[in-house]
Amino acid sequence: MKDRKSKYPPEYKRRMVELVRAGRTIPSLAAEYGVSYSAIRKWVNDADRAAMKNLDGVAPGAQTELVRLRARVVELEEEREILKKASAWFAQEATRTPPRRSGS
């Protein structure tokens, strides 16, 4: 297998992970920065795995639960982003005035 040089520097990946952990959603970051959703998700998962290795003294069951909960948080944030967009669209549609019909 070839040793492929990454398109993105490690600092860039770390910053994306920090933004996700600060509450930004992966879809919004992907759209804003032009990075694929799957790439950002992989960076977050890789960072979570690296963080798990640094949890010396933490019970293995607790580590597994932490990884599961972090993944669930990401999933819920994505769902929240979709719901925010949908509610904004419905609110806009509800206030829109339908075109008038001619009386002919």
PDB file of N, CA and C in Angstrom:
ATOM      1  N   MET A   1       0.833  -1.176   0.000  1.00  0.00           N
ATOM      2  CA  MET A   1       0.000   0.000   0.000  1.00  0.00           C
ATOM      3  C   MET A   1       0.881   1.244   0.000  1.00  0.00           C
ATOM      4  N   LYS A   2       0.508   2.233  -0.792  1.00  0.00           N
ATOM      5  CA  LYS A   2       1.297   3.454  -0.891  1.00  0.00           C
ATOM      6  C   LYS A   2       1.157   4.296   0.366  1.00  0.00           C
ATOM      7  N   ASP A   3       2.216   5.000   0.683  1.00  0.00           N
ATOM      8  CA  ASP A   3       2.169   5.940   1.797  1.00  0.00           C
ATOM      9  C   ASP A   3       1.652   7.270   1.231  1.00  0.00           C
ATOM     10  N   ARG A   4       0.381   7.505   1.390  1.00  0.00           N
ATOM     11  CA  ARG A   4      -0.276   8.663   0.799  1.00  0.00           C
ATOM     12  C   ARG A   4      -0.167   9.869   1.703  1.00  0.00           C
ATOM     13  N   LYS A   5       0.230  10.987   1.137  1.00  0.00           N
ATOM     14  CA  LYS A   5       0.325  12.219   1.898  1.00  0.00           C
ATOM     15  C   LYS A   5      -1.071  12.819   2.017  1.00  0.00           C
ATOM     16  N   SER A   6      -1.425  13.231   3.223  1.00  0.00           N
ATOM     17  CA  SER A   6      -2.752  13.769   3.486  1.00  0.00           C
ATOM     18  C   SER A   6      -2.935  15.115   2.786  1.00  0.00           C
ATOM     19  N   LYS A   7      -4.146  15.329   2.310  1.00  0.00           N
ATOM     20  CA  LYS A   7      -4.500  16.582   1.657  1.00  0.00           C
ATOM     21  C   LYS A   7      -4.610  17.719   2.676  1.00  0.00           C
ATOM     22  N   TYR A   8      -4.920  17.372   3.907  1.00  0.00           N
ATOM     23  CA  TYR A   8      -5.124  18.357   4.958  1.00  0.00           C
ATOM     24  C   TYR A   8      -4.059  18.205   6.046  1.00  0.00           C
ATOM     25  N   PRO A   9      -3.491  19.316   6.503  1.00  0.00           N
ATOM     26  CA  PRO A   9      -2.488  19.220   7.570  1.00  0.00           C
ATOM     27  C   PRO A   9      -3.139  18.828   8.905  1.00  0.00           C
ATOM     28  N   PRO A  10      -2.343  18.234   9.806  1.00  0.00           N
ATOM     29  CA  PRO A  10      -2.884  17.798  11.100  1.00  0.00           C
ATOM     30  C   PRO A  10      -3.540  18.928  11.891  1.00  0.00           C
ATOM     31  N   GLU A  11      -3.002  20.149  11.798  1.00  0.00           N
ATOM     32  CA  GLU A  11      -3.584  21.277  12.542  1.00  0.00           C
ATOM     33  C   GLU A  11      -5.002  21.567  12.047  1.00  0.00           C
ATOM     34  N   TYR A  12      -5.201  21.453  10.739  1.00  0.00           N
ATOM     35  CA  TYR A  12      -6.521  21.693  10.146  1.00  0.00           C
ATOM     36  C   TYR A  12      -7.520  20.653  10.656  1.00  0.00           C
ATOM     37  N   LYS A  13      -7.087  19.383  10.677  1.00  0.00           N
ATOM     38  CA  LYS A  13      -7.954  18.311  11.157  1.00  0.00           C
ATOM     39  C   LYS A  13      -8.306  18.520  12.631  1.00  0.00           C
ATOM     40  N   ARG A  14      -7.304  18.887  13.428  1.00  0.00           N
ATOM     41  CA  ARG A  14      -7.555  19.131  14.856  1.00  0.00           C
ATOM     42  C   ARG A  14      -8.555  20.262  15.045  1.00  0.00           C
ATOM     43  N   ARG A  15      -8.443  21.301  14.246  1.00  0.00           N
ATOM     44  CA  ARG A  15      -9.362  22.437  14.361  1.00  0.00           C
ATOM     45  C   ARG A  15     -10.791  22.014  14.021  1.00  0.00           C
ATOM     46  N   MET A  16     -10.945  21.190  13.004  1.00  0.00           N
ATOM     47  CA  MET A  16     -12.278  20.699  12.641  1.00  0.00           C
ATOM     48  C   MET A  16     -12.870  19.873  13.792  1.00  0.00           C
ATOM     49  N   VAL A  17     -12.049  19.026  14.395  1.00  0.00           N
ATOM     50  CA  VAL A  17     -12.514  18.212  15.524  1.00  0.00           C
ATOM     51  C   VAL A  17     -12.923  19.123  16.675  1.00  0.00           C
ATOM     52  N   GLU A  18     -12.139  20.163  16.944  1.00  0.00           N
ATOM     53  CA  GLU A  18     -12.477  21.109  18.009  1.00  0.00           C
ATOM     54  C   GLU A  18     -13.814  21.791  17.729  1.00  0.00           C
ATOM     55  N   LEU A  19     -14.052  22.162  16.472  1.00  0.00           N
ATOM     56  CA  LEU A  19     -15.312  22.815  16.117  1.00  0.00           C
ATOM     57  C   LEU A  19     -16.497  21.876  16.331  1.00  0.00           C
ATOM     58  N   VAL A  20     -16.324  20.594  15.978  1.00  0.00           N
ATOM     59  CA  VAL A  20     -17.399  19.617  16.188  1.00  0.00           C
ATOM     60  C   VAL A  20     -17.664  19.468  17.677  1.00  0.00           C
ATOM     61  N   ARG A  21     -16.617  19.374  18.467  1.00  0.00           N
ATOM     62  CA  ARG A  21     -16.786  19.209  19.911  1.00  0.00           C
ATOM     63  C   ARG A  21     -17.331  20.463  20.573  1.00  0.00           C
ATOM     64  N   ALA A  22     -17.168  21.611  19.909  1.00  0.00           N
ATOM     65  CA  ALA A  22     -17.703  22.863  20.444  1.00  0.00           C
ATOM     66  C   ALA A  22     -19.174  23.041  20.090  1.00  0.00           C
ATOM     67  N   GLY A  23     -19.725  22.105  19.307  1.00  0.00           N
ATOM     68  CA  GLY A  23     -21.148  22.184  19.019  1.00  0.00           C
ATOM     69  C   GLY A  23     -21.507  22.377  17.559  1.00  0.00           C
ATOM     70  N   ARG A  24     -20.529  22.616  16.704  1.00  0.00           N
ATOM     71  CA  ARG A  24     -20.841  22.752  15.274  1.00  0.00           C
ATOM     72  C   ARG A  24     -21.180  21.376  14.713  1.00  0.00           C
ATOM     73  N   THR A  25     -22.038  21.326  13.732  1.00  0.00           N
ATOM     74  CA  THR A  25     -22.408  20.050  13.138  1.00  0.00           C
ATOM     75  C   THR A  25     -21.481  19.736  11.965  1.00  0.00           C
ATOM     76  N   ILE A  26     -21.324  18.455  11.719  1.00  0.00           N
ATOM     77  CA  ILE A  26     -20.456  18.033  10.618  1.00  0.00           C
ATOM     78  C   ILE A  26     -21.004  18.523   9.273  1.00  0.00           C
ATOM     79  N   PRO A  27     -22.315  18.422   9.011  1.00  0.00           N
ATOM     80  CA  PRO A  27     -22.819  18.920   7.722  1.00  0.00           C
ATOM     81  C   PRO A  27     -22.556  20.417   7.515  1.00  0.00           C
ATOM     82  N   SER A  28     -22.699  21.220   8.567  1.00  0.00           N
ATOM     83  CA  SER A  28     -22.467  22.663   8.405  1.00  0.00           C
ATOM     84  C   SER A  28     -20.991  22.947   8.146  1.00  0.00           C
ATOM     85  N   LEU A  29     -20.093  22.222   8.818  1.00  0.00           N
ATOM     86  CA  LEU A  29     -18.661  22.411   8.576  1.00  0.00           C
ATOM     87  C   LEU A  29     -18.278  21.953   7.177  1.00  0.00           C
ATOM     88  N   ALA A  30     -18.847  20.827   6.742  1.00  0.00           N
ATOM     89  CA  ALA A  30     -18.548  20.318   5.405  1.00  0.00           C
ATOM     90  C   ALA A  30     -18.959  21.332   4.339  1.00  0.00           C
ATOM     91  N   ALA A  31     -20.123  21.920   4.508  1.00  0.00           N
ATOM     92  CA  ALA A  31     -20.602  22.905   3.539  1.00  0.00           C
ATOM     93  C   ALA A  31     -19.764  24.185   3.584  1.00  0.00           C
ATOM     94  N   GLU A  32     -19.438  24.629   4.777  1.00  0.00           N
ATOM     95  CA  GLU A  32     -18.706  25.890   4.938  1.00  0.00           C
ATOM     96  C   GLU A  32     -17.266  25.807   4.441  1.00  0.00           C
ATOM     97  N   TYR A  33     -16.595  24.685   4.714  1.00  0.00           N
ATOM     98  CA  TYR A  33     -15.178  24.567   4.387  1.00  0.00           C
ATOM     99  C   TYR A  33     -14.893  23.735   3.141  1.00  0.00           C
ATOM    100  N   GLY A  34     -15.922  23.150   2.554  1.00  0.00           N
ATOM    101  CA  GLY A  34     -15.721  22.368   1.334  1.00  0.00           C
ATOM    102  C   GLY A  34     -14.995  21.054   1.569  1.00  0.00           C
ATOM    103  N   VAL A  35     -15.160  20.498   2.754  1.00  0.00           N
ATOM    104  CA  VAL A  35     -14.558  19.217   3.111  1.00  0.00           C
ATOM    105  C   VAL A  35     -15.686  18.191   3.151  1.00  0.00           C
ATOM    106  N   SER A  36     -15.392  16.968   2.752  1.00  0.00           N
ATOM    107  CA  SER A  36     -16.456  15.962   2.737  1.00  0.00           C
ATOM    108  C   SER A  36     -16.898  15.612   4.154  1.00  0.00           C
ATOM    109  N   TYR A  37     -18.164  15.286   4.256  1.00  0.00           N
ATOM    110  CA  TYR A  37     -18.756  14.871   5.525  1.00  0.00           C
ATOM    111  C   TYR A  37     -17.987  13.681   6.098  1.00  0.00           C
ATOM    112  N   SER A  38     -17.700  12.700   5.231  1.00  0.00           N
ATOM    113  CA  SER A  38     -17.037  11.479   5.702  1.00  0.00           C
ATOM    114  C   SER A  38     -15.630  11.756   6.212  1.00  0.00           C
ATOM    115  N   ALA A  39     -14.931  12.713   5.616  1.00  0.00           N
ATOM    116  CA  ALA A  39     -13.582  13.045   6.086  1.00  0.00           C
ATOM    117  C   ALA A  39     -13.635  13.627   7.500  1.00  0.00           C
ATOM    118  N   ILE A  40     -14.547  14.569   7.721  1.00  0.00           N
ATOM    119  CA  ILE A  40     -14.653  15.188   9.048  1.00  0.00           C
ATOM    120  C   ILE A  40     -15.078  14.147  10.072  1.00  0.00           C
ATOM    121  N   ARG A  41     -16.024  13.310   9.711  1.00  0.00           N
ATOM    122  CA  ARG A  41     -16.485  12.262  10.625  1.00  0.00           C
ATOM    123  C   ARG A  41     -15.340  11.322  10.999  1.00  0.00           C
ATOM    124  N   LYS A  42     -14.501  10.975  10.012  1.00  0.00           N
ATOM    125  CA  LYS A  42     -13.348  10.106  10.267  1.00  0.00           C
ATOM    126  C   LYS A  42     -12.369  10.798  11.217  1.00  0.00           C
ATOM    127  N   TRP A  43     -12.128  12.093  11.019  1.00  0.00           N
ATOM    128  CA  TRP A  43     -11.211  12.821  11.893  1.00  0.00           C
ATOM    129  C   TRP A  43     -11.726  12.830  13.329  1.00  0.00           C
ATOM    130  N   VAL A  44     -13.029  13.010  13.496  1.00  0.00           N
ATOM    131  CA  VAL A  44     -13.617  13.014  14.837  1.00  0.00           C
ATOM    132  C   VAL A  44     -13.486  11.623  15.464  1.00  0.00           C
ATOM    133  N   ASN A  45     -13.793  10.586  14.691  1.00  0.00           N
ATOM    134  CA  ASN A  45     -13.673   9.218  15.204  1.00  0.00           C
ATOM    135  C   ASN A  45     -12.232   8.881  15.560  1.00  0.00           C
ATOM    136  N   ASP A  46     -11.290   9.292  14.703  1.00  0.00           N
ATOM    137  CA  ASP A  46      -9.875   9.052  14.988  1.00  0.00           C
ATOM    138  C   ASP A  46      -9.453   9.772  16.271  1.00  0.00           C
ATOM    139  N   ALA A  47      -9.921  11.001  16.448  1.00  0.00           N
ATOM    140  CA  ALA A  47      -9.590  11.757  17.655  1.00  0.00           C
ATOM    141  C   ALA A  47     -10.191  11.093  18.892  1.00  0.00           C
ATOM    142  N   ASP A  48     -11.403  10.564  18.753  1.00  0.00           N
ATOM    143  CA  ASP A  48     -12.029   9.862  19.879  1.00  0.00           C
ATOM    144  C   ASP A  48     -11.231   8.613  20.256  1.00  0.00           C
ATOM    145  N   ARG A  49     -10.791   7.864  19.250  1.00  0.00           N
ATOM    146  CA  ARG A  49      -9.992   6.666  19.527  1.00  0.00           C
ATOM    147  C   ARG A  49      -8.669   7.038  20.193  1.00  0.00           C
ATOM    148  N   ALA A  50      -8.041   8.114  19.732  1.00  0.00           N
ATOM    149  CA  ALA A  50      -6.786   8.561  20.334  1.00  0.00           C
ATOM    150  C   ALA A  50      -7.010   8.998  21.781  1.00  0.00           C
ATOM    151  N   ALA A  51      -8.141   9.659  22.025  1.00  0.00           N
ATOM    152  CA  ALA A  51      -8.457  10.098  23.388  1.00  0.00           C
ATOM    153  C   ALA A  51      -8.698   8.898  24.291  1.00  0.00           C
ATOM    154  N   MET A  52      -9.275   7.840  23.745  1.00  0.00           N
ATOM    155  CA  MET A  52      -9.531   6.644  24.543  1.00  0.00           C
ATOM    156  C   MET A  52      -8.221   6.001  25.000  1.00  0.00           C
ATOM    157  N   LYS A  53      -7.198   6.068  24.163  1.00  0.00           N
ATOM    158  CA  LYS A  53      -5.904   5.492  24.526  1.00  0.00           C
ATOM    159  C   LYS A  53      -5.281   6.256  25.686  1.00  0.00           C
ATOM    160  N   ASN A  54      -5.665   7.516  25.847  1.00  0.00           N
ATOM    161  CA  ASN A  54      -5.102   8.362  26.902  1.00  0.00           C
ATOM    162  C   ASN A  54      -5.871   8.260  28.212  1.00  0.00           C
ATOM    163  N   LEU A  55      -6.863   7.406  28.286  1.00  0.00           N
ATOM    164  CA  LEU A  55      -7.671   7.274  29.496  1.00  0.00           C
ATOM    165  C   LEU A  55      -7.130   6.161  30.385  1.00  0.00           C
ATOM    166  N   ASP A  56      -5.932   6.331  30.879  1.00  0.00           N
ATOM    167  CA  ASP A  56      -5.348   5.334  31.776  1.00  0.00           C
ATOM    168  C   ASP A  56      -6.142   5.300  33.073  1.00  0.00           C
ATOM    169  N   GLY A  57      -6.402   4.116  33.557  1.00  0.00           N
ATOM    170  CA  GLY A  57      -7.090   3.955  34.822  1.00  0.00           C
ATOM    171  C   GLY A  57      -8.601   3.992  34.725  1.00  0.00           C
ATOM    172  N   VAL A  58      -9.134   4.271  33.529  1.00  0.00           N
ATOM    173  CA  VAL A  58     -10.586   4.292  33.356  1.00  0.00           C
ATOM    174  C   VAL A  58     -11.024   2.890  32.954  1.00  0.00           C
ATOM    175  N   ALA A  59     -12.077   2.429  33.544  1.00  0.00           N
ATOM    176  CA  ALA A  59     -12.578   1.081  33.255  1.00  0.00           C
ATOM    177  C   ALA A  59     -12.911   0.937  31.775  1.00  0.00           C
ATOM    178  N   PRO A  60     -12.587  -0.207  31.171  1.00  0.00           N
ATOM    179  CA  PRO A  60     -12.874  -0.412  29.745  1.00  0.00           C
ATOM    180  C   PRO A  60     -14.346  -0.214  29.388  1.00  0.00           C
ATOM    181  N   GLY A  61     -15.244  -0.608  30.264  1.00  0.00           N
ATOM    182  CA  GLY A  61     -16.668  -0.403  29.999  1.00  0.00           C
ATOM    183  C   GLY A  61     -17.021   1.072  29.923  1.00  0.00           C
ATOM    184  N   ALA A  62     -16.394   1.867  30.766  1.00  0.00           N
ATOM    185  CA  ALA A  62     -16.636   3.310  30.749  1.00  0.00           C
ATOM    186  C   ALA A  62     -16.075   3.933  29.473  1.00  0.00           C
ATOM    187  N   GLN A  63     -14.943   3.428  28.996  1.00  0.00           N
ATOM    188  CA  GLN A  63     -14.370   3.930  27.756  1.00  0.00           C
ATOM    189  C   GLN A  63     -15.307   3.654  26.585  1.00  0.00           C
ATOM    190  N   THR A  64     -15.829   2.449  26.536  1.00  0.00           N
ATOM    191  CA  THR A  64     -16.755   2.081  25.462  1.00  0.00           C
ATOM    192  C   THR A  64     -18.005   2.949  25.510  1.00  0.00           C
ATOM    193  N   GLU A  65     -18.499   3.174  26.703  1.00  0.00           N
ATOM    194  CA  GLU A  65     -19.690   4.011  26.868  1.00  0.00           C
ATOM    195  C   GLU A  65     -19.412   5.446  26.430  1.00  0.00           C
ATOM    196  N   LEU A  66     -18.240   5.950  26.738  1.00  0.00           N
ATOM    197  CA  LEU A  66     -17.876   7.308  26.339  1.00  0.00           C
ATOM    198  C   LEU A  66     -17.842   7.443  24.820  1.00  0.00           C
ATOM    199  N   VAL A  67     -17.253   6.482  24.145  1.00  0.00           N
ATOM    200  CA  VAL A  67     -17.207   6.506  22.684  1.00  0.00           C
ATOM    201  C   VAL A  67     -18.620   6.461  22.114  1.00  0.00           C
ATOM    202  N   ARG A  68     -19.465   5.590  22.666  1.00  0.00           N
ATOM    203  CA  ARG A  68     -20.847   5.467  22.199  1.00  0.00           C
ATOM    204  C   ARG A  68     -21.612   6.771  22.391  1.00  0.00           C
ATOM    205  N   LEU A  69     -21.418   7.393  23.550  1.00  0.00           N
ATOM    206  CA  LEU A  69     -22.132   8.640  23.838  1.00  0.00           C
ATOM    207  C   LEU A  69     -21.648   9.788  22.950  1.00  0.00           C
ATOM    208  N   ARG A  70     -20.356   9.841  22.690  1.00  0.00           N
ATOM    209  CA  ARG A  70     -19.850  10.887  21.790  1.00  0.00           C
ATOM    210  C   ARG A  70     -20.417  10.730  20.391  1.00  0.00           C
ATOM    211  N   ALA A  71     -20.501   9.498  19.918  1.00  0.00           N
ATOM    212  CA  ALA A  71     -21.086   9.251  18.601  1.00  0.00           C
ATOM    213  C   ALA A  71     -22.558   9.660  18.592  1.00  0.00           C
ATOM    214  N   ARG A  72     -23.260   9.388  19.672  1.00  0.00           N
ATOM    215  CA  ARG A  72     -24.678   9.756  19.771  1.00  0.00           C
ATOM    216  C   ARG A  72     -24.853  11.266  19.777  1.00  0.00           C
ATOM    217  N   VAL A  73     -23.945  11.979  20.441  1.00  0.00           N
ATOM    218  CA  VAL A  73     -23.998  13.439  20.465  1.00  0.00           C
ATOM    219  C   VAL A  73     -23.851  13.991  19.049  1.00  0.00           C
ATOM    220  N   VAL A  74     -22.908  13.455  18.300  1.00  0.00           N
ATOM    221  CA  VAL A  74     -22.717  13.905  16.916  1.00  0.00           C
ATOM    222  C   VAL A  74     -23.982  13.652  16.106  1.00  0.00           C
ATOM    223  N   GLU A  75     -24.566  12.479  16.271  1.00  0.00           N
ATOM    224  CA  GLU A  75     -25.796  12.129  15.550  1.00  0.00           C
ATOM    225  C   GLU A  75     -26.939  13.082  15.909  1.00  0.00           C
ATOM    226  N   LEU A  76     -27.105  13.372  17.191  1.00  0.00           N
ATOM    227  CA  LEU A  76     -28.177  14.266  17.634  1.00  0.00           C
ATOM    228  C   LEU A  76     -27.958  15.692  17.142  1.00  0.00           C
ATOM    229  N   GLU A  77     -26.704  16.126  17.096  1.00  0.00           N
ATOM    230  CA  GLU A  77     -26.424  17.466  16.583  1.00  0.00           C
ATOM    231  C   GLU A  77     -26.777  17.572  15.110  1.00  0.00           C
ATOM    232  N   GLU A  78     -26.504  16.510  14.350  1.00  0.00           N
ATOM    233  CA  GLU A  78     -26.866  16.496  12.935  1.00  0.00           C
ATOM    234  C   GLU A  78     -28.384  16.549  12.771  1.00  0.00           C
ATOM    235  N   GLU A  79     -29.094  15.780  13.582  1.00  0.00           N
ATOM    236  CA  GLU A  79     -30.556  15.790  13.515  1.00  0.00           C
ATOM    237  C   GLU A  79     -31.103  17.163  13.884  1.00  0.00           C
ATOM    238  N   ARG A  80     -30.522  17.796  14.897  1.00  0.00           N
ATOM    239  CA  ARG A  80     -30.966  19.125  15.306  1.00  0.00           C
ATOM    240  C   ARG A  80     -30.776  20.123  14.170  1.00  0.00           C
ATOM    241  N   GLU A  81     -29.664  20.036  13.470  1.00  0.00           N
ATOM    242  CA  GLU A  81     -29.395  20.938  12.344  1.00  0.00           C
ATOM    243  C   GLU A  81     -30.451  20.763  11.253  1.00  0.00           C
ATOM    244  N   ILE A  82     -30.808  19.528  10.959  1.00  0.00           N
ATOM    245  CA  ILE A  82     -31.840  19.254   9.946  1.00  0.00           C
ATOM    246  C   ILE A  82     -33.180  19.829  10.398  1.00  0.00           C
ATOM    247  N   LEU A  83     -33.528  19.635  11.662  1.00  0.00           N
ATOM    248  CA  LEU A  83     -34.805  20.147  12.174  1.00  0.00           C
ATOM    249  C   LEU A  83     -34.843  21.674  12.172  1.00  0.00           C
ATOM    250  N   LYS A  84     -33.723  22.320  12.472  1.00  0.00           N
ATOM    251  CA  LYS A  84     -33.673  23.782  12.433  1.00  0.00           C
ATOM    252  C   LYS A  84     -33.943  24.287  11.024  1.00  0.00           C
ATOM    253  N   LYS A  85     -33.335  23.641  10.033  1.00  0.00           N
ATOM    254  CA  LYS A  85     -33.541  24.053   8.639  1.00  0.00           C
ATOM    255  C   LYS A  85     -34.986  23.814   8.211  1.00  0.00           C
ATOM    256  N   ALA A  86     -35.546  22.678   8.623  1.00  0.00           N
ATOM    257  CA  ALA A  86     -36.930  22.365   8.254  1.00  0.00           C
ATOM    258  C   ALA A  86     -37.902  23.349   8.900  1.00  0.00           C
ATOM    259  N   SER A  87     -37.679  23.675  10.168  1.00  0.00           N
ATOM    260  CA  SER A  87     -38.596  24.605  10.836  1.00  0.00           C
ATOM    261  C   SER A  87     -38.496  25.996  10.228  1.00  0.00           C
ATOM    262  N   ALA A  88     -37.306  26.406   9.826  1.00  0.00           N
ATOM    263  CA  ALA A  88     -37.157  27.712   9.166  1.00  0.00           C
ATOM    264  C   ALA A  88     -37.899  27.714   7.834  1.00  0.00           C
ATOM    265  N   TRP A  89     -37.811  26.616   7.093  1.00  0.00           N
ATOM    266  CA  TRP A  89     -38.499  26.527   5.815  1.00  0.00           C
ATOM    267  C   TRP A  89     -40.007  26.571   6.018  1.00  0.00           C
ATOM    268  N   PHE A  90     -40.530  25.801   6.989  1.00  0.00           N
ATOM    269  CA  PHE A  90     -41.963  25.794   7.251  1.00  0.00           C
ATOM    270  C   PHE A  90     -42.453  27.161   7.721  1.00  0.00           C
ATOM    271  N   ALA A  91     -41.660  27.845   8.536  1.00  0.00           N
ATOM    272  CA  ALA A  91     -42.049  29.168   8.999  1.00  0.00           C
ATOM    273  C   ALA A  91     -42.127  30.136   7.825  1.00  0.00           C
ATOM    274  N   GLN A  92     -41.191  30.039   6.917  1.00  0.00           N
ATOM    275  CA  GLN A  92     -41.192  30.900   5.739  1.00  0.00           C
ATOM    276  C   GLN A  92     -42.401  30.601   4.859  1.00  0.00           C
ATOM    277  N   GLU A  93     -42.708  29.331   4.678  1.00  0.00           N
ATOM    278  CA  GLU A  93     -43.859  28.949   3.858  1.00  0.00           C
ATOM    279  C   GLU A  93     -45.177  29.379   4.503  1.00  0.00           C
ATOM    280  N   ALA A  94     -45.251  29.340   5.814  1.00  0.00           N
ATOM    281  CA  ALA A  94     -46.485  29.701   6.510  1.00  0.00           C
ATOM    282  C   ALA A  94     -46.789  31.190   6.388  1.00  0.00           C
ATOM    283  N   THR A  95     -45.782  32.010   6.276  1.00  0.00           N
ATOM    284  CA  THR A  95     -45.996  33.458   6.189  1.00  0.00           C
ATOM    285  C   THR A  95     -46.083  33.952   4.752  1.00  0.00           C
ATOM    286  N   ARG A  96     -45.811  33.085   3.804  1.00  0.00           N
ATOM    287  CA  ARG A  96     -45.859  33.474   2.396  1.00  0.00           C
ATOM    288  C   ARG A  96     -47.309  33.632   1.944  1.00  0.00           C
ATOM    289  N   THR A  97     -47.564  34.693   1.208  1.00  0.00           N
ATOM    290  CA  THR A  97     -48.913  34.944   0.708  1.00  0.00           C
ATOM    291  C   THR A  97     -49.075  34.276  -0.654  1.00  0.00           C
ATOM    292  N   PRO A  98     -50.141  33.496  -0.833  1.00  0.00           N
ATOM    293  CA  PRO A  98     -50.344  32.856  -2.131  1.00  0.00           C
ATOM    294  C   PRO A  98     -50.667  33.909  -3.199  1.00  0.00           C
ATOM    295  N   PRO A  99     -50.329  33.637  -4.433  1.00  0.00           N
ATOM    296  CA  PRO A  99     -50.629  34.598  -5.511  1.00  0.00           C
ATOM    297  C   PRO A  99     -52.143  34.778  -5.671  1.00  0.00           C
ATOM    298  N   ARG A 100     -52.539  35.975  -6.022  1.00  0.00           N
ATOM    299  CA  ARG A 100     -53.973  36.266  -6.199  1.00  0.00           C
ATOM    300  C   ARG A 100     -54.444  35.705  -7.523  1.00  0.00           C
ATOM    301  N   ARG A 101     -55.679  35.251  -7.499  1.00  0.00           N
ATOM    302  CA  ARG A 101     -56.294  34.754  -8.731  1.00  0.00           C
ATOM    303  C   ARG A 101     -57.040  35.890  -9.384  1.00  0.00           C
ATOM    304  N   SER A 102     -57.031  35.877 -10.686  1.00  0.00           N
ATOM    305  CA  SER A 102     -57.796  36.896 -11.397  1.00  0.00           C
ATOM    306  C   SER A 102     -59.267  36.519 -11.376  1.00  0.00           C
ATOM    307  N   GLY A 103     -60.121  37.499 -11.394  1.00  0.00           N
ATOM    308  CA  GLY A 103     -61.548  37.258 -11.299  1.00  0.00           C
ATOM    309  C   GLY A 103     -62.190  36.885 -12.622  1.00  0.00           C
ATOM    310  N   SER A 104     -61.402  36.647 -13.668  1.00  0.00           N
ATOM    311  CA  SER A 104     -62.007  36.342 -14.952  1.00  0.00           C
ATOM    312  C   SER A 104     -62.381  34.940 -15.139  1.00  0.00           C
TER     313      SER A 104
END
